[in-house]
Protein backbone atom coordinates (compact mmCIF):
# COMPACT_ATOMS: atom_id res chain seq x y z
CA UNK A 1 -11.18 -11.33 -2.62
CA UNK A 2 -9.67 -7.97 -3.50
CA UNK A 3 -7.01 -6.27 -1.45
CA UNK A 4 -6.29 -2.65 -0.67
CA UNK A 5 -2.68 -2.26 0.42
CA UNK A 6 -0.12 0.27 1.55
CA UNK A 7 3.56 -0.02 0.69
CA UNK A 8 6.36 2.01 2.19
CA UNK A 9 9.42 2.90 0.15
CA UNK A 10 12.65 2.22 1.98
CA UNK A 11 14.31 4.72 -0.35
CA UNK A 12 12.24 7.81 0.50
CA UNK A 13 9.99 6.42 3.32
CA UNK A 14 6.85 7.57 1.46
CA UNK A 15 3.67 5.50 1.20
CA UNK A 16 2.06 4.05 -1.92
CA UNK A 17 -1.55 2.83 -1.82
CA UNK A 18 -3.14 0.48 -4.33
CA UNK A 19 -5.58 -2.38 -4.78
CA UNK A 20 -5.39 -5.76 -6.48
CA UNK A 21 -6.90 -9.20 -6.71
CA UNK A 22 -3.56 -10.99 -6.19
CA UNK A 23 -1.65 -9.26 -3.38
CA UNK A 24 1.42 -11.52 -3.48
CA UNK A 25 1.90 -11.11 -7.24
CA UNK A 26 1.34 -7.36 -7.12
CA UNK A 27 3.85 -6.93 -4.30
CA UNK A 28 6.42 -8.88 -6.32
CA UNK A 29 5.72 -6.70 -9.37
CA UNK A 30 6.32 -3.56 -7.30
CA UNK A 31 9.64 -4.80 -5.95
CA UNK A 32 10.84 -6.02 -9.36
CA UNK A 33 10.29 -2.52 -10.80
CA UNK A 34 7.42 -3.57 -13.07
CA UNK A 35 5.02 -0.90 -11.74
CA UNK A 36 5.71 2.53 -13.23
CA UNK A 37 4.63 4.53 -10.18
CA UNK A 38 6.96 2.71 -7.77
CA UNK A 39 9.86 1.45 -9.89
CA UNK A 40 12.16 4.27 -8.73
CA UNK A 41 11.14 3.88 -5.08
CA UNK A 42 12.37 0.31 -4.46
CA UNK A 43 12.77 -1.52 -2.18
CA UNK A 44 9.23 -1.51 -0.80
CA UNK A 45 7.72 -3.08 2.28
CA UNK A 46 4.10 -4.11 2.61
CA UNK A 47 3.02 -2.37 5.80
CA UNK A 48 -0.79 -2.68 5.69
CA UNK A 49 -3.56 -4.40 3.78
CA UNK A 50 -7.29 -5.02 3.96
CA UNK A 51 -9.38 -7.69 2.24
CA UNK A 52 -12.62 -6.72 0.48
CA UNK A 53 -15.29 -8.90 -1.09
CA UNK A 54 -15.40 -7.01 -4.39
CA UNK A 55 -13.36 -4.65 -6.52
CA UNK A 56 -15.69 -1.71 -5.98
CA UNK A 57 -15.21 -1.83 -2.21
CA UNK A 58 -11.45 -2.20 -2.60
CA UNK A 59 -11.29 0.87 -4.87
CA UNK A 60 -13.33 2.91 -2.39
CA UNK A 61 -10.99 1.92 0.43
CA UNK A 62 -7.97 2.76 -1.76
CA UNK A 63 -9.35 6.23 -2.42
CA UNK A 64 -10.11 6.73 1.27
CA UNK A 65 -6.66 5.53 2.39
CA UNK A 66 -5.08 8.08 0.06
CA UNK A 67 -6.79 10.96 1.88
CA UNK A 68 -4.68 13.11 4.19
CA UNK A 69 -6.63 12.25 7.34
CA UNK A 70 -6.41 8.53 6.72
CA UNK A 71 -2.68 8.72 5.98
CA UNK A 72 -2.19 10.40 9.34
CA UNK A 73 -4.37 7.75 11.01
CA UNK A 74 -2.29 4.95 9.47
CA UNK A 75 0.96 6.60 10.53
CA UNK A 76 -0.31 6.86 14.12
CA UNK A 77 -1.66 3.31 14.08
CA UNK A 78 1.55 1.85 12.68
CA UNK A 79 3.91 4.16 14.60
CA UNK A 80 5.65 1.39 16.56
CA UNK A 81 6.13 -0.68 13.37
CA UNK A 82 7.41 2.27 11.35
CA UNK A 83 9.88 3.43 14.00
CA UNK A 84 11.08 0.00 15.11
């Protein structure tokens, strides 16, 4: 399985979207500062993920989740989680 995921920075509250084959390892890498694009945005929370059967599908979902409309959809969908 491949995973498309969304992290939220607790430092600036922005989202980061990515995909990986090993979600647990990748999340640990993000929070240890081993990923260049998020190392200055720690700590990070995993707020959403989807499982895909192959890497191609996961990459397509990643690209789609990065679009403005989908970001707004996720914020509405996760509103109660994000606001407590």
